Amino acid sequence: LRDALVDAVISELDDVIETVARDKRVPGIAHLCIAGCESESILFLLDEAMICASAASACASGAMEPSHVLLAMGVDAKYSVGALRMSLGHTTTEQEIDRASSALIAAVNQLRRNKTAPRVSASK
């Protein structure tokens, strides 16, 4: 199911990378880095959709700068600011994976769209 989640997101969004090769990943953990979005903004929108995720590894959760570990692994800063960890359990269903991937795709698209939308200044 983890691979289904990752595949769904990567197939729909540009500039998304997995941080660990598939044959080296821990089962049940999906870790993606998404360019063009900050982790905290993604988490806010996922929370509104009732999807739980984290912006960092458990030991670095709460840090506001790019992960020093990701940077040391050679992950470009444009990706590392959009780091996202999603954990699956033995009770996670395909329907939950579909809902989570759809919510993540929608959140990233919304953030990217808002970032490039022209700003209208208020006039007096």
N, C-alpha and C. Protein backbone atom coordinates (compact mmCIF):
# COMPACT_ATOMS: atom_id res chain seq x y z
N LEU A 1 0.82 -1.21 0.00
CA LEU A 1 0.00 0.00 0.00
C LEU A 1 0.85 1.27 0.00
N ARG A 2 2.00 1.18 0.66
CA ARG A 2 2.90 2.34 0.66
C ARG A 2 3.28 2.71 -0.76
N ASP A 3 3.63 1.71 -1.56
CA ASP A 3 4.02 1.97 -2.94
C ASP A 3 2.86 2.54 -3.75
N ALA A 4 1.64 2.10 -3.47
CA ALA A 4 0.46 2.64 -4.16
C ALA A 4 0.29 4.12 -3.85
N LEU A 5 0.51 4.49 -2.60
CA LEU A 5 0.42 5.90 -2.20
C LEU A 5 1.47 6.73 -2.93
N VAL A 6 2.71 6.28 -2.88
CA VAL A 6 3.81 7.01 -3.51
C VAL A 6 3.60 7.09 -5.02
N ASP A 7 3.24 5.97 -5.63
CA ASP A 7 3.04 5.95 -7.09
C ASP A 7 1.93 6.89 -7.52
N ALA A 8 0.84 6.92 -6.75
CA ALA A 8 -0.28 7.81 -7.10
C ALA A 8 0.15 9.27 -7.07
N VAL A 9 0.90 9.64 -6.05
CA VAL A 9 1.34 11.03 -5.91
C VAL A 9 2.34 11.39 -7.01
N ILE A 10 3.33 10.55 -7.21
CA ILE A 10 4.37 10.84 -8.20
C ILE A 10 3.80 10.86 -9.62
N SER A 11 2.79 10.05 -9.88
CA SER A 11 2.22 10.03 -11.23
C SER A 11 1.40 11.28 -11.54
N GLU A 12 0.92 11.95 -10.50
CA GLU A 12 0.06 13.13 -10.69
C GLU A 12 0.77 14.46 -10.52
N LEU A 13 1.90 14.46 -9.82
CA LEU A 13 2.58 15.71 -9.50
C LEU A 13 4.00 15.73 -10.05
N ASP A 14 4.40 16.87 -10.58
CA ASP A 14 5.79 17.08 -10.99
C ASP A 14 6.61 17.48 -9.77
N ASP A 15 7.91 17.33 -9.88
CA ASP A 15 8.84 17.78 -8.84
C ASP A 15 8.57 17.17 -7.48
N VAL A 16 8.37 15.86 -7.46
CA VAL A 16 8.23 15.10 -6.22
C VAL A 16 9.27 13.98 -6.28
N ILE A 17 10.02 13.82 -5.20
CA ILE A 17 11.02 12.75 -5.16
C ILE A 17 10.82 11.90 -3.92
N GLU A 18 11.21 10.63 -4.04
CA GLU A 18 11.31 9.75 -2.88
C GLU A 18 12.72 9.92 -2.32
N THR A 19 12.85 9.89 -1.03
CA THR A 19 14.17 10.13 -0.44
C THR A 19 14.99 8.87 -0.28
N VAL A 20 14.34 7.72 -0.37
CA VAL A 20 15.04 6.45 -0.17
C VAL A 20 14.67 5.51 -1.31
N ALA A 21 15.64 4.78 -1.83
CA ALA A 21 15.38 3.80 -2.89
C ALA A 21 14.36 2.77 -2.40
N ARG A 22 13.52 2.32 -3.29
CA ARG A 22 12.44 1.40 -2.92
C ARG A 22 12.93 0.15 -2.22
N ASP A 23 14.05 -0.38 -2.62
CA ASP A 23 14.53 -1.62 -2.00
C ASP A 23 15.17 -1.38 -0.63
N LYS A 24 15.30 -0.13 -0.22
CA LYS A 24 15.92 0.20 1.06
C LYS A 24 14.94 0.81 2.07
N ARG A 25 13.68 0.97 1.67
CA ARG A 25 12.72 1.66 2.53
C ARG A 25 12.16 0.75 3.62
N VAL A 26 11.75 1.38 4.70
CA VAL A 26 11.09 0.69 5.79
C VAL A 26 9.62 0.48 5.39
N PRO A 27 9.09 -0.72 5.58
CA PRO A 27 7.67 -0.93 5.24
C PRO A 27 6.78 0.00 6.07
N GLY A 28 5.77 0.52 5.43
CA GLY A 28 4.80 1.35 6.14
C GLY A 28 5.16 2.81 6.27
N ILE A 29 6.30 3.23 5.73
CA ILE A 29 6.69 4.64 5.80
C ILE A 29 6.91 5.16 4.38
N ALA A 30 6.19 6.22 4.04
CA ALA A 30 6.40 6.90 2.77
C ALA A 30 7.02 8.26 3.08
N HIS A 31 8.16 8.54 2.48
CA HIS A 31 8.80 9.84 2.68
C HIS A 31 9.04 10.47 1.33
N LEU A 32 8.40 11.60 1.12
CA LEU A 32 8.48 12.32 -0.14
C LEU A 32 8.99 13.73 0.11
N CYS A 33 9.64 14.29 -0.88
CA CYS A 33 10.02 15.69 -0.86
C CYS A 33 9.37 16.36 -2.06
N ILE A 34 8.66 17.44 -1.80
CA ILE A 34 7.83 18.10 -2.80
C ILE A 34 8.34 19.52 -3.02
N ALA A 35 8.79 19.80 -4.23
CA ALA A 35 9.28 21.14 -4.56
C ALA A 35 8.11 22.10 -4.72
N GLY A 36 8.36 23.34 -4.35
CA GLY A 36 7.36 24.38 -4.56
C GLY A 36 6.35 24.53 -3.45
N CYS A 37 6.49 23.76 -2.38
CA CYS A 37 5.56 23.84 -1.24
C CYS A 37 6.35 23.65 0.05
N GLU A 38 5.93 24.35 1.08
CA GLU A 38 6.53 24.14 2.39
C GLU A 38 5.74 23.07 3.12
N SER A 39 6.46 22.23 3.84
CA SER A 39 5.84 21.12 4.56
C SER A 39 4.68 21.56 5.44
N GLU A 40 4.89 22.62 6.19
CA GLU A 40 3.85 23.06 7.14
C GLU A 40 2.57 23.45 6.43
N SER A 41 2.67 24.02 5.25
CA SER A 41 1.48 24.39 4.48
C SER A 41 0.75 23.14 3.99
N ILE A 42 1.51 22.16 3.54
CA ILE A 42 0.90 20.89 3.12
C ILE A 42 0.19 20.25 4.31
N LEU A 43 0.87 20.22 5.45
CA LEU A 43 0.29 19.60 6.65
C LEU A 43 -1.00 20.28 7.07
N PHE A 44 -1.06 21.60 6.96
CA PHE A 44 -2.27 22.34 7.31
C PHE A 44 -3.44 21.86 6.46
N LEU A 45 -3.22 21.76 5.14
CA LEU A 45 -4.30 21.33 4.24
C LEU A 45 -4.64 19.86 4.43
N LEU A 46 -3.65 19.03 4.71
CA LEU A 46 -3.94 17.62 4.98
C LEU A 46 -4.75 17.48 6.27
N ASP A 47 -4.41 18.27 7.26
CA ASP A 47 -5.16 18.24 8.52
C ASP A 47 -6.62 18.62 8.29
N GLU A 48 -6.86 19.61 7.45
CA GLU A 48 -8.23 19.99 7.12
C GLU A 48 -8.98 18.84 6.46
N ALA A 49 -8.25 17.99 5.73
CA ALA A 49 -8.84 16.83 5.07
C ALA A 49 -8.84 15.60 5.98
N MET A 50 -8.43 15.81 7.23
CA MET A 50 -8.36 14.74 8.23
C MET A 50 -7.37 13.64 7.85
N ILE A 51 -6.24 14.06 7.28
CA ILE A 51 -5.15 13.14 6.94
C ILE A 51 -3.97 13.50 7.84
N CYS A 52 -3.43 12.51 8.53
CA CYS A 52 -2.29 12.74 9.42
C CYS A 52 -0.99 12.48 8.67
N ALA A 53 -0.05 13.37 8.86
CA ALA A 53 1.28 13.25 8.26
C ALA A 53 2.24 14.06 9.12
N SER A 54 3.51 14.00 8.79
CA SER A 54 4.52 14.75 9.52
C SER A 54 5.46 15.43 8.53
N ALA A 55 6.06 16.50 8.99
CA ALA A 55 6.97 17.25 8.13
C ALA A 55 8.41 16.79 8.27
N ALA A 56 8.69 15.85 9.15
CA ALA A 56 10.07 15.45 9.37
C ALA A 56 10.11 14.06 9.97
N SER A 57 11.30 13.57 10.15
CA SER A 57 11.46 12.31 10.86
C SER A 57 11.01 12.53 12.30
N ALA A 58 10.71 11.47 12.98
CA ALA A 58 10.23 11.59 14.35
C ALA A 58 11.21 12.34 15.24
N CYS A 59 12.51 12.19 14.99
CA CYS A 59 13.50 12.84 15.85
C CYS A 59 13.71 14.31 15.51
N ALA A 60 13.22 14.76 14.37
CA ALA A 60 13.43 16.16 13.98
C ALA A 60 12.13 16.92 13.84
N SER A 61 11.02 16.31 14.22
CA SER A 61 9.72 16.95 14.05
C SER A 61 9.67 18.27 14.81
N GLY A 62 9.15 19.28 14.16
CA GLY A 62 9.04 20.60 14.77
C GLY A 62 10.09 21.58 14.29
N ALA A 63 11.15 21.10 13.66
CA ALA A 63 12.18 22.00 13.15
C ALA A 63 11.63 22.78 11.97
N MET A 64 12.00 24.06 11.85
CA MET A 64 11.46 24.91 10.80
C MET A 64 12.38 25.05 9.58
N GLU A 65 13.62 24.59 9.68
CA GLU A 65 14.51 24.69 8.52
C GLU A 65 14.63 23.33 7.84
N PRO A 66 15.16 23.32 6.61
CA PRO A 66 15.31 22.04 5.92
C PRO A 66 16.13 21.06 6.76
N SER A 67 15.79 19.81 6.66
CA SER A 67 16.46 18.77 7.43
C SER A 67 17.94 18.69 7.06
N HIS A 68 18.79 18.74 8.08
CA HIS A 68 20.22 18.60 7.83
C HIS A 68 20.53 17.21 7.29
N VAL A 69 19.73 16.23 7.65
CA VAL A 69 19.93 14.87 7.14
C VAL A 69 19.64 14.82 5.65
N LEU A 70 18.52 15.41 5.23
CA LEU A 70 18.19 15.42 3.80
C LEU A 70 19.24 16.18 3.00
N LEU A 71 19.69 17.29 3.54
CA LEU A 71 20.73 18.06 2.85
C LEU A 71 22.02 17.24 2.75
N ALA A 72 22.38 16.52 3.82
CA ALA A 72 23.58 15.68 3.80
C ALA A 72 23.43 14.52 2.82
N MET A 73 22.20 14.08 2.59
CA MET A 73 21.94 13.00 1.62
C MET A 73 21.99 13.52 0.18
N GLY A 74 22.14 14.84 0.03
CA GLY A 74 22.22 15.41 -1.30
C GLY A 74 20.89 15.86 -1.86
N VAL A 75 19.85 15.90 -1.02
CA VAL A 75 18.55 16.38 -1.48
C VAL A 75 18.61 17.90 -1.60
N ASP A 76 18.28 18.40 -2.76
CA ASP A 76 18.29 19.84 -3.03
C ASP A 76 17.34 20.55 -2.06
N ALA A 77 17.72 21.73 -1.62
CA ALA A 77 16.91 22.50 -0.67
C ALA A 77 15.51 22.79 -1.20
N LYS A 78 15.37 22.91 -2.53
CA LYS A 78 14.03 23.19 -3.08
C LYS A 78 13.07 22.03 -2.80
N TYR A 79 13.61 20.83 -2.63
CA TYR A 79 12.79 19.68 -2.27
C TYR A 79 12.69 19.50 -0.75
N SER A 80 13.79 19.72 -0.06
CA SER A 80 13.82 19.40 1.37
C SER A 80 12.87 20.25 2.20
N VAL A 81 12.54 21.46 1.75
CA VAL A 81 11.57 22.27 2.51
C VAL A 81 10.16 21.71 2.39
N GLY A 82 9.96 20.81 1.43
CA GLY A 82 8.66 20.17 1.26
C GLY A 82 8.67 18.72 1.67
N ALA A 83 9.49 18.38 2.66
CA ALA A 83 9.57 16.99 3.12
C ALA A 83 8.29 16.58 3.84
N LEU A 84 7.85 15.37 3.56
CA LEU A 84 6.60 14.87 4.13
C LEU A 84 6.73 13.38 4.40
N ARG A 85 6.37 12.99 5.62
CA ARG A 85 6.40 11.58 6.02
C ARG A 85 4.98 11.13 6.32
N MET A 86 4.59 10.02 5.70
CA MET A 86 3.28 9.44 5.96
C MET A 86 3.50 7.99 6.40
N SER A 87 2.86 7.63 7.50
CA SER A 87 3.01 6.28 8.05
C SER A 87 1.73 5.50 7.84
N LEU A 88 1.89 4.23 7.49
CA LEU A 88 0.77 3.33 7.30
C LEU A 88 0.85 2.25 8.36
N GLY A 89 -0.29 1.73 8.73
CA GLY A 89 -0.34 0.65 9.71
C GLY A 89 -0.88 -0.62 9.09
N HIS A 90 -0.92 -1.68 9.89
CA HIS A 90 -1.41 -2.95 9.37
C HIS A 90 -2.91 -2.92 9.09
N THR A 91 -3.60 -1.91 9.60
CA THR A 91 -5.04 -1.79 9.35
C THR A 91 -5.37 -0.79 8.24
N THR A 92 -4.36 -0.16 7.66
CA THR A 92 -4.59 0.81 6.58
C THR A 92 -5.22 0.11 5.39
N THR A 93 -6.25 0.74 4.81
CA THR A 93 -6.98 0.14 3.69
C THR A 93 -6.64 0.84 2.37
N GLU A 94 -6.98 0.20 1.28
CA GLU A 94 -6.79 0.80 -0.04
C GLU A 94 -7.60 2.09 -0.16
N GLN A 95 -8.79 2.11 0.42
CA GLN A 95 -9.62 3.31 0.37
C GLN A 95 -8.95 4.47 1.10
N GLU A 96 -8.30 4.18 2.21
CA GLU A 96 -7.59 5.23 2.94
C GLU A 96 -6.39 5.73 2.14
N ILE A 97 -5.72 4.84 1.45
CA ILE A 97 -4.60 5.24 0.59
C ILE A 97 -5.10 6.14 -0.53
N ASP A 98 -6.22 5.76 -1.14
CA ASP A 98 -6.81 6.59 -2.21
C ASP A 98 -7.18 7.97 -1.69
N ARG A 99 -7.78 8.01 -0.50
CA ARG A 99 -8.18 9.29 0.09
C ARG A 99 -6.96 10.14 0.44
N ALA A 100 -5.94 9.51 1.01
CA ALA A 100 -4.72 10.25 1.39
C ALA A 100 -3.99 10.78 0.16
N SER A 101 -3.86 9.96 -0.87
CA SER A 101 -3.15 10.42 -2.07
C SER A 101 -3.94 11.53 -2.76
N SER A 102 -5.25 11.40 -2.82
CA SER A 102 -6.07 12.45 -3.43
C SER A 102 -5.96 13.75 -2.65
N ALA A 103 -5.97 13.66 -1.32
CA ALA A 103 -5.86 14.86 -0.48
C ALA A 103 -4.50 15.52 -0.65
N LEU A 104 -3.44 14.72 -0.71
CA LEU A 104 -2.10 15.27 -0.87
C LEU A 104 -1.95 15.94 -2.24
N ILE A 105 -2.43 15.29 -3.27
CA ILE A 105 -2.36 15.86 -4.62
C ILE A 105 -3.12 17.18 -4.68
N ALA A 106 -4.32 17.20 -4.10
CA ALA A 106 -5.13 18.43 -4.09
C ALA A 106 -4.43 19.53 -3.31
N ALA A 107 -3.83 19.20 -2.17
CA ALA A 107 -3.15 20.20 -1.35
C ALA A 107 -1.98 20.81 -2.10
N VAL A 108 -1.16 19.98 -2.71
CA VAL A 108 0.00 20.49 -3.45
C VAL A 108 -0.44 21.34 -4.63
N ASN A 109 -1.43 20.88 -5.36
CA ASN A 109 -1.93 21.67 -6.49
C ASN A 109 -2.47 23.02 -6.03
N GLN A 110 -3.19 23.03 -4.91
CA GLN A 110 -3.72 24.29 -4.39
C GLN A 110 -2.59 25.23 -3.99
N LEU A 111 -1.60 24.72 -3.29
CA LEU A 111 -0.49 25.57 -2.84
C LEU A 111 0.32 26.10 -4.02
N ARG A 112 0.56 25.26 -4.99
CA ARG A 112 1.31 25.71 -6.17
C ARG A 112 0.51 26.73 -6.97
N ARG A 113 -0.77 26.51 -7.09
CA ARG A 113 -1.64 27.45 -7.82
C ARG A 113 -1.67 28.79 -7.10
N ASN A 114 -1.81 28.77 -5.79
CA ASN A 114 -1.86 30.02 -5.01
C ASN A 114 -0.54 30.75 -5.04
N LYS A 115 0.56 30.01 -5.09
CA LYS A 115 1.88 30.63 -5.10
C LYS A 115 2.12 31.40 -6.39
N THR A 116 1.57 30.91 -7.50
CA THR A 116 1.80 31.56 -8.79
C THR A 116 0.66 32.47 -9.20
N ALA A 117 -0.40 32.51 -8.40
CA ALA A 117 -1.54 33.37 -8.75
C ALA A 117 -1.11 34.83 -8.64
N PRO A 118 -1.56 35.66 -9.57
CA PRO A 118 -1.21 37.08 -9.49
C PRO A 118 -1.81 37.70 -8.23
N ARG A 119 -1.05 38.52 -7.59
CA ARG A 119 -1.50 39.21 -6.37
C ARG A 119 -2.23 40.49 -6.77
N VAL A 120 -3.38 40.70 -6.17
CA VAL A 120 -4.14 41.92 -6.42
C VAL A 120 -4.00 42.79 -5.19
N SER A 121 -3.46 43.97 -5.38
CA SER A 121 -3.29 44.87 -4.24
C SER A 121 -4.56 45.68 -4.03
N ALA A 122 -4.83 45.93 -2.78
CA ALA A 122 -6.01 46.74 -2.45
C ALA A 122 -5.72 48.20 -2.75
N SER A 123 -6.65 48.85 -3.40
CA SER A 123 -6.47 50.28 -3.68
C SER A 123 -7.36 51.08 -2.74
N LYS A 124 -6.98 52.32 -2.51
CA LYS A 124 -7.73 53.18 -1.59
C LYS A 124 -8.83 53.89 -2.28
